[in-house]
N, C-alpha and C. Protein backbone atom coordinates (compact mmCIF):
# COMPACT_ATOMS: atom_id res chain seq x y z
N MET A 1 -17.05 42.86 29.13
CA MET A 1 -16.41 41.65 29.64
C MET A 1 -16.67 40.48 28.69
N LYS A 2 -17.91 40.35 28.23
CA LYS A 2 -18.28 39.27 27.32
C LYS A 2 -17.47 39.38 26.03
N GLN A 3 -17.29 40.60 25.54
CA GLN A 3 -16.51 40.81 24.33
C GLN A 3 -15.05 40.44 24.55
N LEU A 4 -14.52 40.74 25.71
CA LEU A 4 -13.14 40.41 26.03
C LEU A 4 -12.94 38.90 26.05
N ILE A 5 -13.87 38.17 26.67
CA ILE A 5 -13.79 36.70 26.72
C ILE A 5 -13.88 36.14 25.30
N THR A 6 -14.78 36.69 24.49
CA THR A 6 -14.91 36.25 23.10
C THR A 6 -13.62 36.51 22.34
N LEU A 7 -13.04 37.67 22.53
CA LEU A 7 -11.80 38.04 21.86
C LEU A 7 -10.65 37.12 22.30
N ILE A 8 -10.55 36.85 23.59
CA ILE A 8 -9.51 35.94 24.10
C ILE A 8 -9.71 34.54 23.54
N SER A 9 -10.96 34.06 23.53
CA SER A 9 -11.26 32.74 22.97
C SER A 9 -10.86 32.66 21.51
N LEU A 10 -11.18 33.71 20.76
CA LEU A 10 -10.83 33.75 19.35
C LEU A 10 -9.31 33.74 19.18
N PHE A 11 -8.60 34.53 19.97
CA PHE A 11 -7.14 34.58 19.91
C PHE A 11 -6.54 33.20 20.21
N VAL A 12 -7.01 32.56 21.27
CA VAL A 12 -6.50 31.24 21.65
C VAL A 12 -6.79 30.23 20.54
N SER A 13 -8.00 30.25 20.00
CA SER A 13 -8.36 29.33 18.92
C SER A 13 -7.47 29.52 17.71
N LEU A 14 -7.27 30.76 17.30
CA LEU A 14 -6.41 31.03 16.15
C LEU A 14 -4.98 30.63 16.43
N ASN A 15 -4.51 30.89 17.63
CA ASN A 15 -3.15 30.53 18.01
C ASN A 15 -2.97 29.01 17.99
N LEU A 16 -3.91 28.29 18.56
CA LEU A 16 -3.83 26.83 18.55
C LEU A 16 -3.91 26.28 17.14
N PHE A 17 -4.81 26.86 16.32
CA PHE A 17 -4.93 26.42 14.94
C PHE A 17 -3.61 26.64 14.21
N GLY A 18 -3.02 27.80 14.42
CA GLY A 18 -1.74 28.11 13.79
C GLY A 18 -0.65 27.14 14.21
N GLN A 19 -0.63 26.78 15.49
CA GLN A 19 0.38 25.83 15.96
C GLN A 19 0.15 24.46 15.36
N ALA A 20 -1.09 24.01 15.30
CA ALA A 20 -1.37 22.69 14.72
C ALA A 20 -0.93 22.66 13.27
N LYS A 21 -1.21 23.73 12.55
CA LYS A 21 -0.83 23.78 11.15
C LYS A 21 0.69 23.75 11.02
N THR A 22 1.38 24.50 11.84
CA THR A 22 2.84 24.52 11.80
C THR A 22 3.40 23.14 12.13
N ASN A 23 2.87 22.51 13.17
CA ASN A 23 3.36 21.18 13.54
C ASN A 23 3.13 20.19 12.42
N SER A 24 1.94 20.23 11.81
CA SER A 24 1.63 19.33 10.71
C SER A 24 2.57 19.60 9.54
N THR A 25 2.76 20.87 9.22
CA THR A 25 3.66 21.23 8.13
C THR A 25 5.08 20.78 8.46
N GLY A 26 5.51 20.99 9.69
CA GLY A 26 6.83 20.55 10.11
C GLY A 26 6.99 19.05 10.00
N SER A 27 5.95 18.31 10.34
CA SER A 27 5.98 16.85 10.23
C SER A 27 6.16 16.43 8.79
N VAL A 28 5.41 17.07 7.89
CA VAL A 28 5.52 16.74 6.46
C VAL A 28 6.90 17.11 5.94
N GLU A 29 7.39 18.28 6.33
CA GLU A 29 8.73 18.69 5.90
C GLU A 29 9.79 17.71 6.40
N ASN A 30 9.69 17.30 7.66
CA ASN A 30 10.62 16.30 8.21
C ASN A 30 10.52 15.00 7.44
N LEU A 31 9.31 14.57 7.16
CA LEU A 31 9.10 13.32 6.42
C LEU A 31 9.74 13.40 5.04
N VAL A 32 9.46 14.46 4.31
CA VAL A 32 9.99 14.59 2.95
C VAL A 32 11.52 14.58 2.97
N LYS A 33 12.11 15.32 3.89
CA LYS A 33 13.57 15.33 3.99
C LYS A 33 14.11 13.95 4.33
N GLN A 34 13.51 13.30 5.32
CA GLN A 34 14.02 12.01 5.78
C GLN A 34 13.81 10.90 4.75
N VAL A 35 12.69 10.93 4.04
CA VAL A 35 12.47 9.88 3.04
C VAL A 35 13.41 10.09 1.85
N ASN A 36 13.71 11.33 1.51
CA ASN A 36 14.68 11.58 0.44
C ASN A 36 16.09 11.20 0.88
N ASP A 37 16.42 11.44 2.14
CA ASP A 37 17.71 10.98 2.68
C ASP A 37 17.78 9.45 2.62
N TYR A 38 16.68 8.80 2.97
CA TYR A 38 16.61 7.33 2.93
C TYR A 38 16.83 6.84 1.50
N ALA A 39 16.21 7.50 0.54
CA ALA A 39 16.37 7.12 -0.87
C ALA A 39 17.85 7.20 -1.26
N GLN A 40 18.54 8.22 -0.81
CA GLN A 40 19.96 8.37 -1.12
C GLN A 40 20.78 7.24 -0.49
N LEU A 41 20.40 6.82 0.72
CA LEU A 41 21.07 5.68 1.36
C LEU A 41 20.90 4.42 0.53
N VAL A 42 19.70 4.22 -0.02
CA VAL A 42 19.42 3.05 -0.86
C VAL A 42 20.30 3.09 -2.11
N ILE A 43 20.35 4.24 -2.77
CA ILE A 43 21.16 4.38 -3.99
C ILE A 43 22.64 4.17 -3.68
N ASN A 44 23.09 4.71 -2.56
CA ASN A 44 24.51 4.59 -2.16
C ASN A 44 24.85 3.26 -1.50
N LYS A 45 23.85 2.41 -1.31
CA LYS A 45 24.03 1.09 -0.68
C LYS A 45 24.60 1.21 0.73
N ASP A 46 24.20 2.23 1.44
CA ASP A 46 24.66 2.45 2.82
C ASP A 46 23.77 1.64 3.76
N THR A 47 24.03 0.35 3.81
CA THR A 47 23.15 -0.57 4.54
C THR A 47 23.10 -0.28 6.04
N ILE A 48 24.19 0.18 6.61
CA ILE A 48 24.20 0.45 8.05
C ILE A 48 23.24 1.58 8.39
N LYS A 49 23.31 2.68 7.64
CA LYS A 49 22.41 3.80 7.91
C LYS A 49 20.98 3.50 7.46
N MET A 50 20.84 2.66 6.41
CA MET A 50 19.50 2.27 5.97
C MET A 50 18.74 1.57 7.10
N VAL A 51 19.41 0.66 7.77
CA VAL A 51 18.77 -0.11 8.84
C VAL A 51 18.31 0.81 9.97
N GLU A 52 19.06 1.88 10.21
CA GLU A 52 18.66 2.84 11.26
C GLU A 52 17.34 3.53 10.93
N LYS A 53 16.97 3.61 9.65
CA LYS A 53 15.74 4.28 9.24
C LYS A 53 14.60 3.29 8.95
N MET A 54 14.89 2.00 9.05
CA MET A 54 13.83 1.00 8.86
C MET A 54 13.00 0.92 10.13
N TYR A 55 11.73 0.58 9.97
CA TYR A 55 10.82 0.47 11.10
C TYR A 55 11.39 -0.56 12.09
N PRO A 56 11.62 -0.17 13.34
CA PRO A 56 12.28 -1.05 14.31
C PRO A 56 11.63 -2.43 14.47
N LYS A 57 10.31 -2.51 14.41
CA LYS A 57 9.67 -3.82 14.56
C LYS A 57 10.03 -4.73 13.39
N LEU A 58 10.17 -4.17 12.20
CA LEU A 58 10.60 -4.95 11.03
C LEU A 58 12.00 -5.50 11.26
N VAL A 59 12.90 -4.65 11.74
CA VAL A 59 14.27 -5.07 12.00
C VAL A 59 14.29 -6.20 13.03
N SER A 60 13.51 -6.05 14.07
CA SER A 60 13.43 -7.07 15.12
C SER A 60 12.88 -8.39 14.57
N MET A 61 11.79 -8.30 13.80
CA MET A 61 11.16 -9.51 13.25
C MET A 61 12.08 -10.22 12.25
N ALA A 62 12.96 -9.46 11.59
CA ALA A 62 13.86 -10.04 10.59
C ALA A 62 15.14 -10.60 11.21
N GLY A 63 15.27 -10.54 12.52
CA GLY A 63 16.41 -11.15 13.18
C GLY A 63 17.40 -10.17 13.78
N GLY A 64 17.08 -8.89 13.75
CA GLY A 64 17.95 -7.90 14.36
C GLY A 64 18.78 -7.13 13.35
N ARG A 65 19.43 -6.11 13.86
CA ARG A 65 20.19 -5.16 13.04
C ARG A 65 21.24 -5.85 12.16
N GLU A 66 22.09 -6.67 12.75
CA GLU A 66 23.18 -7.32 12.00
C GLU A 66 22.63 -8.23 10.91
N LYS A 67 21.57 -8.95 11.21
CA LYS A 67 20.97 -9.86 10.23
C LYS A 67 20.38 -9.07 9.06
N VAL A 68 19.73 -7.94 9.35
CA VAL A 68 19.15 -7.12 8.28
C VAL A 68 20.26 -6.52 7.42
N ILE A 69 21.33 -6.07 8.03
CA ILE A 69 22.47 -5.54 7.26
C ILE A 69 23.02 -6.64 6.35
N GLU A 70 23.18 -7.83 6.90
CA GLU A 70 23.69 -8.97 6.13
C GLU A 70 22.76 -9.28 4.95
N MET A 71 21.45 -9.33 5.19
CA MET A 71 20.49 -9.64 4.13
C MET A 71 20.48 -8.54 3.06
N THR A 72 20.60 -7.29 3.49
CA THR A 72 20.59 -6.18 2.54
C THR A 72 21.85 -6.19 1.68
N CYS A 73 22.99 -6.46 2.29
CA CYS A 73 24.25 -6.57 1.53
C CYS A 73 24.15 -7.71 0.52
N TYR A 74 23.57 -8.83 0.94
CA TYR A 74 23.38 -9.97 0.05
C TYR A 74 22.49 -9.58 -1.13
N MET A 75 21.41 -8.84 -0.87
CA MET A 75 20.51 -8.41 -1.93
C MET A 75 21.25 -7.55 -2.95
N TYR A 76 22.05 -6.59 -2.47
CA TYR A 76 22.82 -5.74 -3.39
C TYR A 76 23.82 -6.56 -4.20
N ALA A 77 24.49 -7.51 -3.57
CA ALA A 77 25.46 -8.36 -4.27
C ALA A 77 24.76 -9.20 -5.33
N LYS A 78 23.59 -9.73 -5.00
CA LYS A 78 22.82 -10.54 -5.95
C LYS A 78 22.38 -9.70 -7.14
N LEU A 79 21.91 -8.49 -6.88
CA LEU A 79 21.53 -7.60 -7.97
C LEU A 79 22.73 -7.35 -8.89
N ALA A 80 23.88 -7.02 -8.30
CA ALA A 80 25.08 -6.72 -9.08
C ALA A 80 25.51 -7.93 -9.90
N SER A 81 25.43 -9.13 -9.31
CA SER A 81 25.85 -10.35 -10.03
C SER A 81 24.95 -10.64 -11.22
N GLN A 82 23.74 -10.08 -11.20
CA GLN A 82 22.80 -10.27 -12.32
C GLN A 82 22.78 -9.06 -13.25
N GLY A 83 23.74 -8.16 -13.08
CA GLY A 83 23.83 -6.99 -13.94
C GLY A 83 22.75 -5.95 -13.66
N MET A 84 22.30 -5.90 -12.42
CA MET A 84 21.24 -4.97 -12.05
C MET A 84 21.73 -3.98 -11.00
N SER A 85 21.16 -2.77 -11.04
CA SER A 85 21.49 -1.77 -10.02
C SER A 85 20.32 -0.80 -9.88
N ILE A 86 20.26 -0.15 -8.73
CA ILE A 86 19.23 0.85 -8.47
C ILE A 86 19.79 2.21 -8.88
N ASP A 87 19.11 2.85 -9.84
CA ASP A 87 19.58 4.14 -10.35
C ASP A 87 18.98 5.32 -9.59
N SER A 88 17.69 5.24 -9.31
CA SER A 88 17.05 6.35 -8.59
C SER A 88 15.84 5.87 -7.82
N VAL A 89 15.57 6.58 -6.74
CA VAL A 89 14.38 6.35 -5.93
C VAL A 89 13.79 7.73 -5.68
N LYS A 90 12.55 7.91 -6.08
CA LYS A 90 11.85 9.18 -5.89
C LYS A 90 10.53 8.90 -5.18
N PHE A 91 10.01 9.92 -4.52
CA PHE A 91 8.74 9.79 -3.81
C PHE A 91 7.81 10.91 -4.21
N LEU A 92 6.54 10.56 -4.38
CA LEU A 92 5.52 11.57 -4.62
C LEU A 92 5.10 12.16 -3.28
N LYS A 93 4.29 13.19 -3.34
CA LYS A 93 3.79 13.87 -2.13
C LYS A 93 3.15 12.84 -1.20
N PRO A 94 3.45 12.90 0.10
CA PRO A 94 2.86 11.94 1.04
C PRO A 94 1.35 12.10 1.14
N ASN A 95 0.68 10.99 1.41
CA ASN A 95 -0.74 11.04 1.72
C ASN A 95 -0.92 11.76 3.05
N PRO A 96 -2.14 12.16 3.39
CA PRO A 96 -2.35 12.85 4.67
C PRO A 96 -1.82 12.02 5.85
N ILE A 97 -1.24 12.72 6.81
CA ILE A 97 -0.71 12.06 8.01
C ILE A 97 -1.87 11.67 8.91
N ILE A 98 -1.83 10.43 9.36
CA ILE A 98 -2.85 9.89 10.27
C ILE A 98 -2.24 9.86 11.66
N GLU A 99 -2.94 10.43 12.62
CA GLU A 99 -2.45 10.43 14.00
C GLU A 99 -3.16 9.30 14.74
N THR A 100 -2.39 8.27 15.12
CA THR A 100 -2.94 7.19 15.92
C THR A 100 -2.65 7.52 17.39
N GLU A 101 -2.98 6.59 18.26
CA GLU A 101 -2.76 6.82 19.69
C GLU A 101 -1.30 7.12 20.01
N ASP A 102 -0.38 6.38 19.35
CA ASP A 102 1.04 6.49 19.70
C ASP A 102 1.93 7.03 18.59
N GLU A 103 1.41 7.15 17.37
CA GLU A 103 2.28 7.43 16.23
C GLU A 103 1.60 8.33 15.20
N PHE A 104 2.44 8.91 14.35
CA PHE A 104 1.98 9.48 13.09
C PHE A 104 2.28 8.42 12.03
N GLN A 105 1.37 8.25 11.08
CA GLN A 105 1.56 7.28 10.01
C GLN A 105 1.09 7.88 8.69
N THR A 106 1.73 7.49 7.62
CA THR A 106 1.29 7.87 6.28
C THR A 106 1.92 6.92 5.28
N THR A 107 1.56 7.10 4.03
CA THR A 107 2.19 6.35 2.95
C THR A 107 2.61 7.32 1.86
N LEU A 108 3.57 6.87 1.08
CA LEU A 108 4.05 7.64 -0.06
C LEU A 108 4.16 6.71 -1.26
N THR A 109 3.92 7.24 -2.44
CA THR A 109 4.17 6.48 -3.66
C THR A 109 5.65 6.56 -3.95
N GLN A 110 6.24 5.38 -4.18
CA GLN A 110 7.68 5.25 -4.41
C GLN A 110 7.90 4.92 -5.89
N LEU A 111 8.79 5.65 -6.53
CA LEU A 111 9.13 5.41 -7.94
C LEU A 111 10.59 5.00 -7.99
N LEU A 112 10.84 3.80 -8.50
CA LEU A 112 12.18 3.23 -8.51
C LEU A 112 12.59 2.97 -9.95
N LEU A 113 13.80 3.38 -10.31
CA LEU A 113 14.34 3.12 -11.64
C LEU A 113 15.59 2.28 -11.46
N MET A 114 15.62 1.14 -12.16
CA MET A 114 16.74 0.21 -12.05
C MET A 114 17.33 -0.05 -13.43
N THR A 115 18.63 -0.29 -13.45
CA THR A 115 19.27 -0.80 -14.65
C THR A 115 19.21 -2.31 -14.57
N VAL A 116 18.75 -2.93 -15.65
CA VAL A 116 18.70 -4.39 -15.77
C VAL A 116 19.35 -4.74 -17.11
N PRO A 117 19.76 -5.99 -17.30
CA PRO A 117 20.43 -6.33 -18.56
C PRO A 117 19.64 -5.94 -19.83
N ALA A 118 18.33 -6.00 -19.78
CA ALA A 118 17.51 -5.70 -20.96
C ALA A 118 17.24 -4.20 -21.14
N GLY A 119 17.61 -3.38 -20.16
CA GLY A 119 17.35 -1.94 -20.27
C GLY A 119 17.14 -1.30 -18.90
N LYS A 120 16.06 -0.56 -18.80
CA LYS A 120 15.70 0.11 -17.54
C LYS A 120 14.36 -0.44 -17.07
N LEU A 121 14.26 -0.65 -15.77
CA LEU A 121 13.02 -1.15 -15.18
C LEU A 121 12.46 -0.07 -14.27
N PHE A 122 11.21 0.30 -14.53
CA PHE A 122 10.52 1.33 -13.75
C PHE A 122 9.51 0.63 -12.85
N CYS A 123 9.60 0.85 -11.54
CA CYS A 123 8.71 0.22 -10.57
C CYS A 123 7.99 1.29 -9.76
N LYS A 124 6.73 1.04 -9.51
CA LYS A 124 5.93 1.96 -8.69
C LYS A 124 5.34 1.15 -7.54
N SER A 125 5.52 1.63 -6.32
CA SER A 125 5.02 0.91 -5.15
C SER A 125 4.69 1.91 -4.04
N THR A 126 4.32 1.37 -2.89
CA THR A 126 3.97 2.20 -1.74
C THR A 126 5.01 1.99 -0.64
N LEU A 127 5.32 3.05 0.07
CA LEU A 127 6.19 2.97 1.25
C LEU A 127 5.41 3.52 2.43
N ILE A 128 5.43 2.80 3.55
CA ILE A 128 4.77 3.25 4.78
C ILE A 128 5.80 4.03 5.60
N ALA A 129 5.38 5.17 6.14
CA ALA A 129 6.24 5.98 7.01
C ALA A 129 5.56 6.08 8.38
N ILE A 130 6.34 5.84 9.43
CA ILE A 130 5.81 5.84 10.80
C ILE A 130 6.71 6.70 11.68
N SER A 131 6.09 7.58 12.45
CA SER A 131 6.83 8.42 13.39
C SER A 131 6.31 8.19 14.80
N PRO A 132 7.17 7.71 15.71
CA PRO A 132 6.74 7.49 17.09
C PRO A 132 6.77 8.77 17.93
N ASP A 133 7.31 9.86 17.36
CA ASP A 133 7.48 11.09 18.13
C ASP A 133 6.84 12.30 17.44
N LYS A 134 5.64 12.06 16.92
CA LYS A 134 4.82 13.14 16.35
C LYS A 134 5.47 13.88 15.19
N GLY A 135 6.18 13.14 14.34
CA GLY A 135 6.70 13.71 13.11
C GLY A 135 8.12 14.21 13.14
N ILE A 136 8.81 14.00 14.25
CA ILE A 136 10.21 14.45 14.33
C ILE A 136 11.11 13.46 13.58
N ASN A 137 10.99 12.18 13.91
CA ASN A 137 11.77 11.12 13.25
C ASN A 137 10.81 10.16 12.57
N TRP A 138 11.17 9.75 11.36
CA TRP A 138 10.33 8.84 10.58
C TRP A 138 11.10 7.56 10.28
N TYR A 139 10.38 6.44 10.31
CA TYR A 139 10.93 5.12 10.00
C TYR A 139 10.09 4.53 8.89
N PHE A 140 10.72 3.66 8.08
CA PHE A 140 10.09 3.23 6.84
C PHE A 140 9.88 1.72 6.80
N LEU A 141 8.78 1.36 6.17
CA LEU A 141 8.34 -0.02 6.09
C LEU A 141 7.78 -0.24 4.69
N ASP A 142 8.36 -1.17 3.95
CA ASP A 142 7.92 -1.45 2.59
C ASP A 142 6.95 -2.62 2.61
N PRO A 143 5.70 -2.40 2.18
CA PRO A 143 4.73 -3.50 2.21
C PRO A 143 5.02 -4.60 1.19
N SER A 144 5.93 -4.37 0.26
CA SER A 144 6.36 -5.38 -0.72
C SER A 144 5.18 -6.09 -1.38
N GLY A 145 4.20 -5.34 -1.83
CA GLY A 145 3.07 -5.93 -2.54
C GLY A 145 1.97 -6.47 -1.65
N HIS A 146 2.13 -6.40 -0.34
CA HIS A 146 1.08 -6.87 0.56
C HIS A 146 -0.03 -5.83 0.69
N THR A 147 -1.22 -6.29 0.98
CA THR A 147 -2.34 -5.39 1.25
C THR A 147 -2.20 -4.83 2.66
N LEU A 148 -2.99 -3.81 2.95
CA LEU A 148 -3.00 -3.26 4.31
C LEU A 148 -3.43 -4.33 5.30
N GLU A 149 -4.44 -5.12 4.94
CA GLU A 149 -4.91 -6.18 5.84
C GLU A 149 -3.78 -7.17 6.12
N GLY A 150 -3.03 -7.53 5.09
CA GLY A 150 -1.90 -8.43 5.27
C GLY A 150 -0.82 -7.83 6.16
N MET A 151 -0.56 -6.55 5.98
CA MET A 151 0.45 -5.88 6.80
C MET A 151 0.01 -5.78 8.25
N ARG A 152 -1.28 -5.59 8.46
CA ARG A 152 -1.78 -5.44 9.83
C ARG A 152 -1.70 -6.75 10.61
N THR A 153 -1.51 -7.86 9.93
CA THR A 153 -1.32 -9.13 10.62
C THR A 153 -0.04 -9.08 11.45
N ASP A 154 1.04 -8.58 10.84
CA ASP A 154 2.32 -8.47 11.55
C ASP A 154 2.48 -7.15 12.30
N TYR A 155 1.76 -6.13 11.84
CA TYR A 155 1.87 -4.79 12.42
C TYR A 155 0.47 -4.27 12.76
N PRO A 156 -0.14 -4.80 13.81
CA PRO A 156 -1.53 -4.42 14.14
C PRO A 156 -1.70 -2.95 14.51
N ASN A 157 -0.59 -2.26 14.78
CA ASN A 157 -0.66 -0.83 15.10
C ASN A 157 -0.90 0.04 13.87
N LEU A 158 -0.79 -0.54 12.67
CA LEU A 158 -1.02 0.25 11.46
C LEU A 158 -2.48 0.67 11.37
N SER A 159 -2.69 1.92 11.04
CA SER A 159 -4.04 2.46 10.94
C SER A 159 -4.79 1.83 9.77
N GLU A 160 -6.06 1.59 9.97
CA GLU A 160 -6.92 1.08 8.90
C GLU A 160 -7.12 2.13 7.81
N LYS A 161 -6.74 3.38 8.10
CA LYS A 161 -6.93 4.48 7.16
C LYS A 161 -5.74 4.65 6.19
N LEU A 162 -4.66 3.91 6.41
CA LEU A 162 -3.51 4.03 5.52
C LEU A 162 -3.90 3.63 4.10
N ILE A 163 -3.30 4.29 3.14
CA ILE A 163 -3.58 4.00 1.73
C ILE A 163 -2.40 3.24 1.15
N ILE A 164 -2.62 1.96 0.84
CA ILE A 164 -1.61 1.16 0.16
C ILE A 164 -2.18 0.81 -1.20
N ASP A 165 -1.57 1.37 -2.23
CA ASP A 165 -2.06 1.12 -3.59
C ASP A 165 -1.82 -0.34 -3.97
N PRO A 166 -2.69 -0.89 -4.82
CA PRO A 166 -2.46 -2.26 -5.29
C PRO A 166 -1.13 -2.34 -6.06
N PRO A 167 -0.50 -3.50 -6.04
CA PRO A 167 0.78 -3.64 -6.76
C PRO A 167 0.61 -3.32 -8.25
N VAL A 168 1.64 -2.71 -8.80
CA VAL A 168 1.67 -2.37 -10.22
C VAL A 168 2.81 -3.14 -10.86
N GLU A 169 2.55 -3.76 -12.02
CA GLU A 169 3.61 -4.49 -12.72
C GLU A 169 4.71 -3.52 -13.14
N PRO A 170 5.97 -3.88 -12.93
CA PRO A 170 7.07 -3.03 -13.40
C PRO A 170 7.02 -2.87 -14.92
N VAL A 171 7.54 -1.76 -15.40
CA VAL A 171 7.57 -1.48 -16.83
C VAL A 171 9.03 -1.54 -17.28
N LEU A 172 9.29 -2.36 -18.31
CA LEU A 172 10.64 -2.48 -18.85
C LEU A 172 10.80 -1.52 -20.02
N LEU A 173 11.79 -0.67 -19.93
CA LEU A 173 12.14 0.25 -21.02
C LEU A 173 13.37 -0.36 -21.69
N ARG A 174 13.16 -1.01 -22.81
CA ARG A 174 14.25 -1.76 -23.47
C ARG A 174 15.32 -0.83 -24.03
N LYS A 175 16.54 -1.39 -24.11
CA LYS A 175 17.69 -0.64 -24.64
C LYS A 175 17.45 -0.26 -26.08
């Protein structure tokens, strides 16, 4: 009987471990797919769909969906008027997912290549990814050079364990 209980306990433990690993892997796979889809929206200037993937509290704080769409369209128009465009957005492997009380959170290193009048501009920054439903859907928040402490002022739900790299100066690759 004791051996049977031990065997059942071992089976349950292995089964639970396997499920946790699968869920974690599924969360990462969902994140990678969704962040790459988001990058394509940025390149394609699909502001309506971009706003749907932005962190909802950011959209609310910025004045709502229509205001964010308007501001994003303005940003793209301003870039174009200055002879600038976004050529590519790539992401490195996400940092470990942090499970908070209500959300999954992580960060990714973002690599952006832009055309500018003087050549190509390479930018490296951090993007925060937040999932309110345990990794099924992910929403994105750009710290725009702010520290984690600075971000937590407006977003106190952000985990203290998130990794936000210090800002890096863009590199100009001249023509």
